[in-house]
Amino acid sequence: MVSSRAVRRAAAIGAVLGVVAGAVLASATGAGAAVLLQCEGTNATSFSPGLLLAEQEVRLTYAESLGPCLVSSDPAVRSGSAAASFPVLAGCLHLDPGVAGSKTFTWNTGETSRFEFTIVGTTVAGQVVVTNTGTITAGKFAGAVAEEVIANASLSLLNCLAPPGVEAVGGTLRLLIAG
């Protein structure tokens, strides 16, 4: 049985995603840009070693599952995925602004989109929100701007005090591609 607290948290995360993604995409594309793709999804991220209060180099590994895609200029694109692993300097209280990143989305059609972006992390209403803003540089939707907003569950600061630390977080995401 799902608790009312879990339902309220999911609703709050959804509201944060909607507001942040809408505002970010509007500022990136200006008025009049057509939405080419909008997908909801989930994110699972692990850290090795786990995050502690002090910054340290960790290996960040993530997997994203996109779908359903609610709006698409190509009705065949209904879902997708992305995954990567790379080293990063991080801690429980450290959100490194302006870091560059890239990933490749693989769509249910077998096509891919290369996304190159800048990562900005913030805390909104106790939730860690990561916004990836950039351009689709190759593949499907090449040349379009994209915004991905990921709202992860709040970190347990008690787990940040000593090893093994915070080893994993998960949350929801919204991807918008416009051109």
N, C-alpha and C. Protein backbone atom coordinates (compact mmCIF):
# COMPACT_ATOMS: atom_id res chain seq x y z
N MET A 1 0.83 -1.17 0.00
CA MET A 1 0.00 0.00 0.00
C MET A 1 0.88 1.24 0.00
N VAL A 2 0.55 2.21 -0.83
CA VAL A 2 1.31 3.45 -0.94
C VAL A 2 0.82 4.43 0.11
N SER A 3 1.74 4.98 0.88
CA SER A 3 1.36 5.91 1.93
C SER A 3 0.95 7.25 1.34
N SER A 4 0.17 8.00 2.11
CA SER A 4 -0.24 9.33 1.65
C SER A 4 0.97 10.25 1.53
N ARG A 5 1.99 10.02 2.35
CA ARG A 5 3.21 10.82 2.26
C ARG A 5 3.90 10.57 0.93
N ALA A 6 3.96 9.31 0.48
CA ALA A 6 4.58 9.00 -0.81
C ALA A 6 3.80 9.63 -1.96
N VAL A 7 2.48 9.63 -1.86
CA VAL A 7 1.65 10.24 -2.90
C VAL A 7 1.90 11.74 -2.94
N ARG A 8 1.97 12.39 -1.76
CA ARG A 8 2.23 13.84 -1.72
C ARG A 8 3.61 14.15 -2.27
N ARG A 9 4.60 13.33 -1.95
CA ARG A 9 5.96 13.55 -2.44
C ARG A 9 6.00 13.41 -3.95
N ALA A 10 5.35 12.39 -4.50
CA ALA A 10 5.31 12.21 -5.96
C ALA A 10 4.62 13.39 -6.63
N ALA A 11 3.53 13.88 -6.04
CA ALA A 11 2.83 15.03 -6.60
C ALA A 11 3.71 16.27 -6.55
N ALA A 12 4.45 16.45 -5.45
CA ALA A 12 5.33 17.61 -5.34
C ALA A 12 6.46 17.55 -6.36
N ILE A 13 7.04 16.36 -6.54
CA ILE A 13 8.11 16.21 -7.53
C ILE A 13 7.57 16.51 -8.92
N GLY A 14 6.39 16.01 -9.24
CA GLY A 14 5.78 16.28 -10.54
C GLY A 14 5.54 17.76 -10.76
N ALA A 15 5.08 18.45 -9.74
CA ALA A 15 4.84 19.88 -9.84
C ALA A 15 6.15 20.64 -10.06
N VAL A 16 7.19 20.26 -9.32
CA VAL A 16 8.49 20.91 -9.48
C VAL A 16 9.01 20.68 -10.90
N LEU A 17 8.92 19.45 -11.39
CA LEU A 17 9.37 19.17 -12.75
C LEU A 17 8.63 20.01 -13.78
N GLY A 18 7.33 20.11 -13.63
CA GLY A 18 6.54 20.88 -14.59
C GLY A 18 6.92 22.34 -14.60
N VAL A 19 7.05 22.95 -13.45
CA VAL A 19 7.38 24.37 -13.36
C VAL A 19 8.80 24.62 -13.86
N VAL A 20 9.77 23.86 -13.37
CA VAL A 20 11.16 24.08 -13.75
C VAL A 20 11.37 23.80 -15.23
N ALA A 21 10.87 22.68 -15.75
CA ALA A 21 11.08 22.34 -17.15
C ALA A 21 10.42 23.37 -18.06
N GLY A 22 9.22 23.80 -17.73
CA GLY A 22 8.54 24.79 -18.56
C GLY A 22 9.29 26.11 -18.60
N ALA A 23 9.75 26.58 -17.45
CA ALA A 23 10.47 27.85 -17.39
C ALA A 23 11.81 27.77 -18.10
N VAL A 24 12.53 26.67 -17.91
CA VAL A 24 13.84 26.52 -18.53
C VAL A 24 13.72 26.43 -20.04
N LEU A 25 12.79 25.63 -20.53
CA LEU A 25 12.64 25.49 -21.97
C LEU A 25 12.19 26.80 -22.60
N ALA A 26 11.30 27.52 -21.96
CA ALA A 26 10.83 28.80 -22.49
C ALA A 26 11.99 29.78 -22.61
N SER A 27 12.86 29.82 -21.61
CA SER A 27 13.98 30.76 -21.66
C SER A 27 15.01 30.32 -22.69
N ALA A 28 15.16 29.02 -22.91
CA ALA A 28 16.16 28.54 -23.86
C ALA A 28 15.71 28.69 -25.31
N THR A 29 14.43 28.54 -25.57
CA THR A 29 13.96 28.52 -26.95
C THR A 29 13.31 29.81 -27.39
N GLY A 30 12.88 30.63 -26.43
CA GLY A 30 12.13 31.83 -26.79
C GLY A 30 10.73 31.43 -27.21
N ALA A 31 9.90 32.41 -27.38
CA ALA A 31 8.51 32.14 -27.75
C ALA A 31 8.45 31.59 -29.17
N GLY A 32 7.53 30.68 -29.40
CA GLY A 32 7.27 30.20 -30.75
C GLY A 32 7.99 28.94 -31.16
N ALA A 33 8.92 28.42 -30.36
CA ALA A 33 9.61 27.19 -30.73
C ALA A 33 8.66 26.01 -30.54
N ALA A 34 8.63 25.13 -31.52
CA ALA A 34 7.74 23.97 -31.45
C ALA A 34 8.36 22.87 -30.61
N VAL A 35 7.56 22.26 -29.75
CA VAL A 35 8.02 21.11 -28.99
C VAL A 35 8.06 19.90 -29.93
N LEU A 36 9.24 19.33 -30.10
CA LEU A 36 9.41 18.16 -30.96
C LEU A 36 9.19 16.86 -30.21
N LEU A 37 9.53 16.89 -28.91
CA LEU A 37 9.39 15.69 -28.09
C LEU A 37 9.28 16.08 -26.63
N GLN A 38 8.38 15.43 -25.92
CA GLN A 38 8.27 15.57 -24.46
C GLN A 38 8.09 14.19 -23.90
N CYS A 39 9.01 13.78 -23.04
CA CYS A 39 8.95 12.46 -22.42
C CYS A 39 9.06 12.58 -20.91
N GLU A 40 8.29 11.77 -20.21
CA GLU A 40 8.42 11.60 -18.77
C GLU A 40 9.31 10.37 -18.57
N GLY A 41 9.87 10.22 -17.38
CA GLY A 41 10.67 9.03 -17.15
C GLY A 41 11.19 8.92 -15.74
N THR A 42 12.10 7.98 -15.55
CA THR A 42 12.72 7.75 -14.25
C THR A 42 14.23 7.70 -14.39
N ASN A 43 14.90 7.96 -13.28
CA ASN A 43 16.35 8.02 -13.24
C ASN A 43 16.83 7.23 -12.03
N ALA A 44 17.85 6.44 -12.21
CA ALA A 44 18.51 5.75 -11.10
C ALA A 44 20.00 6.06 -11.18
N THR A 45 20.55 6.61 -10.09
CA THR A 45 21.96 7.01 -10.07
C THR A 45 22.64 6.34 -8.89
N SER A 46 23.84 5.80 -9.13
CA SER A 46 24.63 5.24 -8.03
C SER A 46 25.98 5.94 -7.97
N PHE A 47 26.58 5.91 -6.78
CA PHE A 47 27.87 6.56 -6.54
C PHE A 47 28.81 5.55 -5.88
N SER A 48 30.05 5.48 -6.39
CA SER A 48 31.03 4.58 -5.81
C SER A 48 32.37 5.30 -5.69
N PRO A 49 32.90 5.51 -4.48
CA PRO A 49 32.24 5.22 -3.21
C PRO A 49 31.05 6.14 -3.00
N GLY A 50 30.29 5.86 -1.96
CA GLY A 50 29.09 6.65 -1.67
C GLY A 50 29.41 8.10 -1.34
N LEU A 51 28.45 8.97 -1.55
CA LEU A 51 28.62 10.39 -1.24
C LEU A 51 28.70 10.61 0.27
N LEU A 52 29.63 11.47 0.67
CA LEU A 52 29.77 11.89 2.06
C LEU A 52 29.64 13.41 2.11
N LEU A 53 29.69 13.99 3.30
CA LEU A 53 29.60 15.45 3.40
C LEU A 53 30.75 16.12 2.66
N ALA A 54 31.96 15.61 2.83
CA ALA A 54 33.12 16.19 2.16
C ALA A 54 33.15 15.74 0.69
N GLU A 55 33.57 16.65 -0.17
CA GLU A 55 33.71 16.29 -1.58
C GLU A 55 34.80 15.25 -1.75
N GLN A 56 34.56 14.35 -2.69
CA GLN A 56 35.56 13.36 -3.06
C GLN A 56 35.28 12.92 -4.49
N GLU A 57 36.26 12.32 -5.12
CA GLU A 57 36.02 11.80 -6.45
C GLU A 57 35.24 10.49 -6.34
N VAL A 58 34.14 10.42 -7.07
CA VAL A 58 33.30 9.22 -7.08
C VAL A 58 33.01 8.85 -8.53
N ARG A 59 32.65 7.62 -8.74
CA ARG A 59 32.16 7.20 -10.05
C ARG A 59 30.65 7.27 -10.01
N LEU A 60 30.09 8.10 -10.87
CA LEU A 60 28.65 8.27 -10.98
C LEU A 60 28.18 7.39 -12.13
N THR A 61 27.21 6.54 -11.86
CA THR A 61 26.64 5.67 -12.89
C THR A 61 25.14 5.90 -12.89
N TYR A 62 24.58 6.19 -14.07
CA TYR A 62 23.14 6.43 -14.12
C TYR A 62 22.49 5.65 -15.26
N ALA A 63 21.22 5.40 -15.08
CA ALA A 63 20.38 4.79 -16.12
C ALA A 63 19.06 5.53 -16.13
N GLU A 64 18.63 5.92 -17.31
CA GLU A 64 17.36 6.61 -17.48
C GLU A 64 16.44 5.79 -18.36
N SER A 65 15.19 5.80 -17.98
CA SER A 65 14.14 5.17 -18.78
C SER A 65 13.14 6.25 -19.13
N LEU A 66 12.96 6.52 -20.42
CA LEU A 66 12.06 7.57 -20.89
C LEU A 66 10.80 6.95 -21.47
N GLY A 67 9.68 7.45 -21.04
CA GLY A 67 8.41 6.97 -21.56
C GLY A 67 7.38 6.98 -20.46
N PRO A 68 6.20 7.38 -20.77
CA PRO A 68 5.74 7.60 -22.14
C PRO A 68 6.20 8.96 -22.67
N CYS A 69 6.33 9.03 -23.99
CA CYS A 69 6.58 10.30 -24.65
C CYS A 69 5.21 10.84 -25.04
N LEU A 70 4.80 11.92 -24.38
CA LEU A 70 3.45 12.44 -24.50
C LEU A 70 3.24 13.28 -25.75
N VAL A 71 4.30 13.94 -26.18
CA VAL A 71 4.24 14.76 -27.39
C VAL A 71 5.41 14.33 -28.25
N SER A 72 5.18 14.12 -29.54
CA SER A 72 6.28 13.76 -30.43
C SER A 72 5.95 14.19 -31.84
N SER A 73 6.91 14.85 -32.49
CA SER A 73 6.74 15.22 -33.89
C SER A 73 6.82 13.97 -34.77
N ASP A 74 7.34 12.88 -34.22
CA ASP A 74 7.37 11.58 -34.89
C ASP A 74 6.60 10.60 -34.00
N PRO A 75 5.36 10.29 -34.35
CA PRO A 75 4.53 9.42 -33.49
C PRO A 75 5.14 8.04 -33.22
N ALA A 76 6.11 7.63 -34.02
CA ALA A 76 6.75 6.34 -33.78
C ALA A 76 7.63 6.36 -32.53
N VAL A 77 8.12 7.53 -32.14
CA VAL A 77 8.97 7.66 -30.95
C VAL A 77 8.06 7.72 -29.73
N ARG A 78 8.08 6.64 -28.94
CA ARG A 78 7.22 6.54 -27.76
C ARG A 78 7.99 6.37 -26.46
N SER A 79 9.27 5.96 -26.56
CA SER A 79 10.06 5.73 -25.36
C SER A 79 11.55 5.72 -25.74
N GLY A 80 12.38 5.72 -24.71
CA GLY A 80 13.82 5.70 -24.96
C GLY A 80 14.57 5.42 -23.68
N SER A 81 15.90 5.44 -23.80
CA SER A 81 16.75 5.20 -22.63
C SER A 81 18.11 5.86 -22.84
N ALA A 82 18.84 6.01 -21.75
CA ALA A 82 20.21 6.51 -21.78
C ALA A 82 20.92 5.98 -20.54
N ALA A 83 22.23 5.76 -20.66
CA ALA A 83 23.02 5.29 -19.52
C ALA A 83 24.46 5.74 -19.71
N ALA A 84 25.15 5.96 -18.60
CA ALA A 84 26.56 6.35 -18.66
C ALA A 84 27.20 6.15 -17.30
N SER A 85 28.52 6.23 -17.29
CA SER A 85 29.29 6.14 -16.06
C SER A 85 30.53 6.99 -16.23
N PHE A 86 30.83 7.85 -15.25
CA PHE A 86 32.00 8.72 -15.36
C PHE A 86 32.40 9.20 -13.96
N PRO A 87 33.68 9.63 -13.80
CA PRO A 87 34.12 10.15 -12.51
C PRO A 87 33.67 11.60 -12.34
N VAL A 88 33.39 11.98 -11.09
CA VAL A 88 32.97 13.34 -10.79
C VAL A 88 33.38 13.67 -9.36
N LEU A 89 33.68 14.94 -9.10
CA LEU A 89 33.97 15.41 -7.76
C LEU A 89 32.64 15.78 -7.12
N ALA A 90 32.25 15.10 -6.04
CA ALA A 90 30.92 15.33 -5.47
C ALA A 90 30.89 15.02 -3.99
N GLY A 91 29.91 15.61 -3.32
CA GLY A 91 29.61 15.36 -1.93
C GLY A 91 28.13 15.59 -1.70
N CYS A 92 27.63 15.22 -0.56
CA CYS A 92 26.20 15.36 -0.28
C CYS A 92 25.71 16.79 -0.38
N LEU A 93 26.55 17.75 -0.05
CA LEU A 93 26.14 19.15 -0.08
C LEU A 93 26.72 19.90 -1.27
N HIS A 94 27.37 19.20 -2.17
CA HIS A 94 28.06 19.82 -3.29
C HIS A 94 27.27 19.61 -4.58
N LEU A 95 26.81 20.71 -5.16
CA LEU A 95 26.14 20.69 -6.45
C LEU A 95 27.00 21.55 -7.38
N ASP A 96 27.76 20.90 -8.25
CA ASP A 96 28.73 21.61 -9.07
C ASP A 96 28.06 22.27 -10.27
N PRO A 97 27.95 23.61 -10.27
CA PRO A 97 27.29 24.28 -11.39
C PRO A 97 28.17 24.35 -12.62
N GLY A 98 27.53 24.31 -13.76
CA GLY A 98 28.21 24.58 -15.01
C GLY A 98 29.07 23.46 -15.57
N VAL A 99 28.95 22.26 -15.07
CA VAL A 99 29.73 21.13 -15.58
C VAL A 99 29.14 20.68 -16.91
N ALA A 100 30.00 20.40 -17.89
CA ALA A 100 29.54 19.94 -19.20
C ALA A 100 29.35 18.43 -19.18
N GLY A 101 28.38 17.95 -19.95
CA GLY A 101 28.13 16.52 -20.06
C GLY A 101 27.57 16.18 -21.42
N SER A 102 27.47 14.90 -21.68
CA SER A 102 26.85 14.43 -22.92
C SER A 102 26.30 13.03 -22.69
N LYS A 103 25.29 12.71 -23.47
CA LYS A 103 24.70 11.38 -23.41
C LYS A 103 24.04 11.09 -24.73
N THR A 104 23.80 9.83 -24.98
CA THR A 104 23.09 9.43 -26.19
C THR A 104 21.80 8.74 -25.78
N PHE A 105 20.68 9.30 -26.26
CA PHE A 105 19.38 8.68 -26.07
C PHE A 105 19.19 7.65 -27.17
N THR A 106 18.71 6.47 -26.81
CA THR A 106 18.34 5.45 -27.79
C THR A 106 16.83 5.32 -27.74
N TRP A 107 16.18 5.58 -28.88
CA TRP A 107 14.71 5.57 -28.94
C TRP A 107 14.18 4.19 -29.29
N ASN A 108 12.92 3.95 -29.00
CA ASN A 108 12.31 2.65 -29.28
C ASN A 108 12.35 2.31 -30.78
N THR A 109 12.57 3.29 -31.64
CA THR A 109 12.66 3.07 -33.09
C THR A 109 14.04 2.57 -33.51
N GLY A 110 15.01 2.57 -32.56
CA GLY A 110 16.39 2.19 -32.89
C GLY A 110 17.25 3.40 -33.23
N GLU A 111 16.63 4.56 -33.43
CA GLU A 111 17.37 5.78 -33.71
C GLU A 111 17.99 6.32 -32.43
N THR A 112 19.01 7.19 -32.58
CA THR A 112 19.67 7.79 -31.42
C THR A 112 19.70 9.30 -31.57
N SER A 113 19.90 9.98 -30.43
CA SER A 113 20.09 11.43 -30.38
C SER A 113 21.23 11.70 -29.42
N ARG A 114 22.24 12.42 -29.90
CA ARG A 114 23.37 12.82 -29.04
C ARG A 114 23.05 14.16 -28.40
N PHE A 115 23.05 14.22 -27.06
CA PHE A 115 22.70 15.41 -26.30
C PHE A 115 23.95 15.93 -25.59
N GLU A 116 24.37 17.15 -25.92
CA GLU A 116 25.49 17.79 -25.24
C GLU A 116 24.92 18.95 -24.43
N PHE A 117 25.31 19.04 -23.16
CA PHE A 117 24.60 19.92 -22.24
C PHE A 117 25.50 20.46 -21.13
N THR A 118 24.97 21.45 -20.43
CA THR A 118 25.55 21.96 -19.20
C THR A 118 24.65 21.51 -18.06
N ILE A 119 25.27 21.05 -16.97
CA ILE A 119 24.55 20.54 -15.81
C ILE A 119 24.49 21.62 -14.74
N VAL A 120 23.30 21.87 -14.23
CA VAL A 120 23.14 22.78 -13.09
C VAL A 120 22.30 22.06 -12.05
N GLY A 121 22.81 21.97 -10.83
CA GLY A 121 22.09 21.32 -9.74
C GLY A 121 21.60 22.36 -8.75
N THR A 122 20.37 22.18 -8.28
CA THR A 122 19.79 23.06 -7.27
C THR A 122 18.99 22.21 -6.30
N THR A 123 18.59 22.83 -5.20
CA THR A 123 17.69 22.17 -4.27
C THR A 123 16.40 22.97 -4.25
N VAL A 124 15.29 22.31 -4.56
CA VAL A 124 13.97 22.94 -4.60
C VAL A 124 13.06 22.17 -3.65
N ALA A 125 12.55 22.85 -2.63
CA ALA A 125 11.64 22.24 -1.66
C ALA A 125 12.21 20.93 -1.10
N GLY A 126 13.52 20.92 -0.83
CA GLY A 126 14.16 19.75 -0.25
C GLY A 126 14.53 18.67 -1.24
N GLN A 127 14.19 18.84 -2.49
CA GLN A 127 14.52 17.86 -3.53
C GLN A 127 15.74 18.34 -4.30
N VAL A 128 16.63 17.42 -4.65
CA VAL A 128 17.77 17.75 -5.51
C VAL A 128 17.27 17.72 -6.94
N VAL A 129 17.36 18.87 -7.62
CA VAL A 129 16.90 18.99 -9.00
C VAL A 129 18.10 19.29 -9.88
N VAL A 130 18.31 18.45 -10.88
CA VAL A 130 19.40 18.62 -11.84
C VAL A 130 18.79 18.99 -13.17
N THR A 131 19.29 20.09 -13.76
CA THR A 131 18.80 20.53 -15.06
C THR A 131 19.94 20.44 -16.06
N ASN A 132 19.72 19.67 -17.12
CA ASN A 132 20.68 19.55 -18.22
C ASN A 132 20.13 20.37 -19.39
N THR A 133 20.87 21.41 -19.80
CA THR A 133 20.43 22.31 -20.85
C THR A 133 21.44 22.29 -21.98
N GLY A 134 20.97 22.06 -23.21
CA GLY A 134 21.91 22.03 -24.32
C GLY A 134 21.26 21.80 -25.66
N THR A 135 21.98 21.08 -26.52
CA THR A 135 21.59 20.90 -27.91
C THR A 135 21.71 19.43 -28.31
N ILE A 136 20.80 19.01 -29.15
CA ILE A 136 20.94 17.69 -29.78
C ILE A 136 21.91 17.89 -30.94
N THR A 137 23.09 17.28 -30.84
CA THR A 137 24.16 17.56 -31.81
C THR A 137 24.23 16.54 -32.94
N ALA A 138 23.59 15.39 -32.79
CA ALA A 138 23.65 14.38 -33.84
C ALA A 138 22.46 13.45 -33.72
N GLY A 139 22.08 12.85 -34.83
CA GLY A 139 21.01 11.87 -34.84
C GLY A 139 19.65 12.53 -34.94
N LYS A 140 18.65 11.80 -34.48
CA LYS A 140 17.27 12.29 -34.52
C LYS A 140 17.17 13.60 -33.73
N PHE A 141 16.48 14.57 -34.24
CA PHE A 141 16.27 15.89 -33.67
C PHE A 141 17.53 16.75 -33.66
N ALA A 142 18.55 16.42 -34.48
CA ALA A 142 19.80 17.19 -34.53
C ALA A 142 19.50 18.67 -34.79
N GLY A 143 20.18 19.53 -34.03
CA GLY A 143 20.02 20.97 -34.15
C GLY A 143 18.99 21.56 -33.20
N ALA A 144 18.18 20.72 -32.59
CA ALA A 144 17.15 21.20 -31.65
C ALA A 144 17.77 21.47 -30.29
N VAL A 145 17.13 22.34 -29.51
CA VAL A 145 17.54 22.57 -28.12
C VAL A 145 16.82 21.55 -27.24
N ALA A 146 17.42 21.24 -26.12
CA ALA A 146 16.81 20.25 -25.22
C ALA A 146 17.05 20.65 -23.78
N GLU A 147 16.09 20.29 -22.94
CA GLU A 147 16.17 20.49 -21.50
C GLU A 147 15.72 19.19 -20.84
N GLU A 148 16.52 18.73 -19.92
CA GLU A 148 16.15 17.55 -19.14
C GLU A 148 16.19 17.96 -17.68
N VAL A 149 15.08 17.80 -16.98
CA VAL A 149 14.99 18.15 -15.57
C VAL A 149 14.78 16.86 -14.78
N ILE A 150 15.70 16.60 -13.85
CA ILE A 150 15.67 15.38 -13.05
C ILE A 150 15.47 15.77 -11.59
N ALA A 151 14.41 15.27 -10.97
CA ALA A 151 14.14 15.53 -9.55
C ALA A 151 14.40 14.24 -8.78
N ASN A 152 15.51 14.22 -8.05
CA ASN A 152 15.85 13.04 -7.25
C ASN A 152 15.27 13.16 -5.86
N ALA A 153 15.09 12.02 -5.22
CA ALA A 153 14.64 12.00 -3.82
C ALA A 153 15.67 12.72 -2.96
N SER A 154 15.22 13.28 -1.86
CA SER A 154 16.12 13.98 -0.94
C SER A 154 17.17 13.02 -0.40
N LEU A 155 18.40 13.52 -0.25
CA LEU A 155 19.47 12.71 0.33
C LEU A 155 19.27 12.63 1.84
N SER A 156 19.60 11.50 2.41
CA SER A 156 19.57 11.35 3.86
C SER A 156 20.90 11.87 4.40
N LEU A 157 20.86 13.04 5.05
CA LEU A 157 22.10 13.63 5.56
C LEU A 157 22.76 12.75 6.62
N LEU A 158 21.98 11.94 7.34
CA LEU A 158 22.59 11.02 8.30
C LEU A 158 23.49 10.02 7.59
N ASN A 159 23.08 9.58 6.40
CA ASN A 159 23.92 8.65 5.64
C ASN A 159 25.17 9.32 5.11
N CYS A 160 25.18 10.64 5.04
CA CYS A 160 26.34 11.38 4.54
C CYS A 160 27.47 11.49 5.57
N LEU A 161 27.18 11.17 6.82
CA LEU A 161 28.15 11.39 7.89
C LEU A 161 29.30 10.39 7.90
N ALA A 162 29.08 9.17 7.43
CA ALA A 162 30.13 8.15 7.49
C ALA A 162 29.93 7.14 6.37
N PRO A 163 31.02 6.46 5.99
CA PRO A 163 30.90 5.43 4.95
C PRO A 163 29.89 4.38 5.37
N PRO A 164 29.15 3.77 4.49
CA PRO A 164 29.34 3.84 3.04
C PRO A 164 28.76 5.09 2.38
N GLY A 165 28.08 5.98 3.13
CA GLY A 165 27.53 7.18 2.55
C GLY A 165 26.27 6.92 1.74
N VAL A 166 25.91 7.86 0.90
CA VAL A 166 24.75 7.71 0.02
C VAL A 166 25.24 7.04 -1.26
N GLU A 167 24.80 5.81 -1.45
CA GLU A 167 25.28 5.03 -2.59
C GLU A 167 24.36 5.09 -3.79
N ALA A 168 23.11 5.53 -3.61
CA ALA A 168 22.18 5.56 -4.73
C ALA A 168 21.05 6.54 -4.47
N VAL A 169 20.55 7.15 -5.54
CA VAL A 169 19.35 7.98 -5.50
C VAL A 169 18.54 7.68 -6.76
N GLY A 170 17.29 8.01 -6.69
CA GLY A 170 16.44 7.83 -7.86
C GLY A 170 15.39 8.91 -7.88
N GLY A 171 14.77 9.06 -9.03
CA GLY A 171 13.75 10.08 -9.12
C GLY A 171 13.05 10.05 -10.46
N THR A 172 12.38 11.15 -10.73
CA THR A 172 11.64 11.27 -11.98
C THR A 172 12.29 12.32 -12.85
N LEU A 173 11.97 12.28 -14.14
CA LEU A 173 12.54 13.25 -15.05
C LEU A 173 11.55 13.62 -16.13
N ARG A 174 11.83 14.76 -16.75
CA ARG A 174 11.07 15.21 -17.91
C ARG A 174 12.10 15.72 -18.93
N LEU A 175 11.97 15.23 -20.15
CA LEU A 175 12.82 15.66 -21.26
C LEU A 175 11.96 16.42 -22.26
N LEU A 176 12.42 17.62 -22.63
CA LEU A 176 11.76 18.42 -23.64
C LEU A 176 12.77 18.73 -24.74
N ILE A 177 12.39 18.50 -25.98
CA ILE A 177 13.23 18.85 -27.14
C ILE A 177 12.39 19.77 -28.01
N ALA A 178 12.97 20.91 -28.39
CA ALA A 178 12.22 21.90 -29.18
C ALA A 178 13.10 22.45 -30.30
N GLY A 179 12.45 22.85 -31.37
CA GLY A 179 13.22 23.43 -32.48
C GLY A 179 12.35 24.22 -33.39
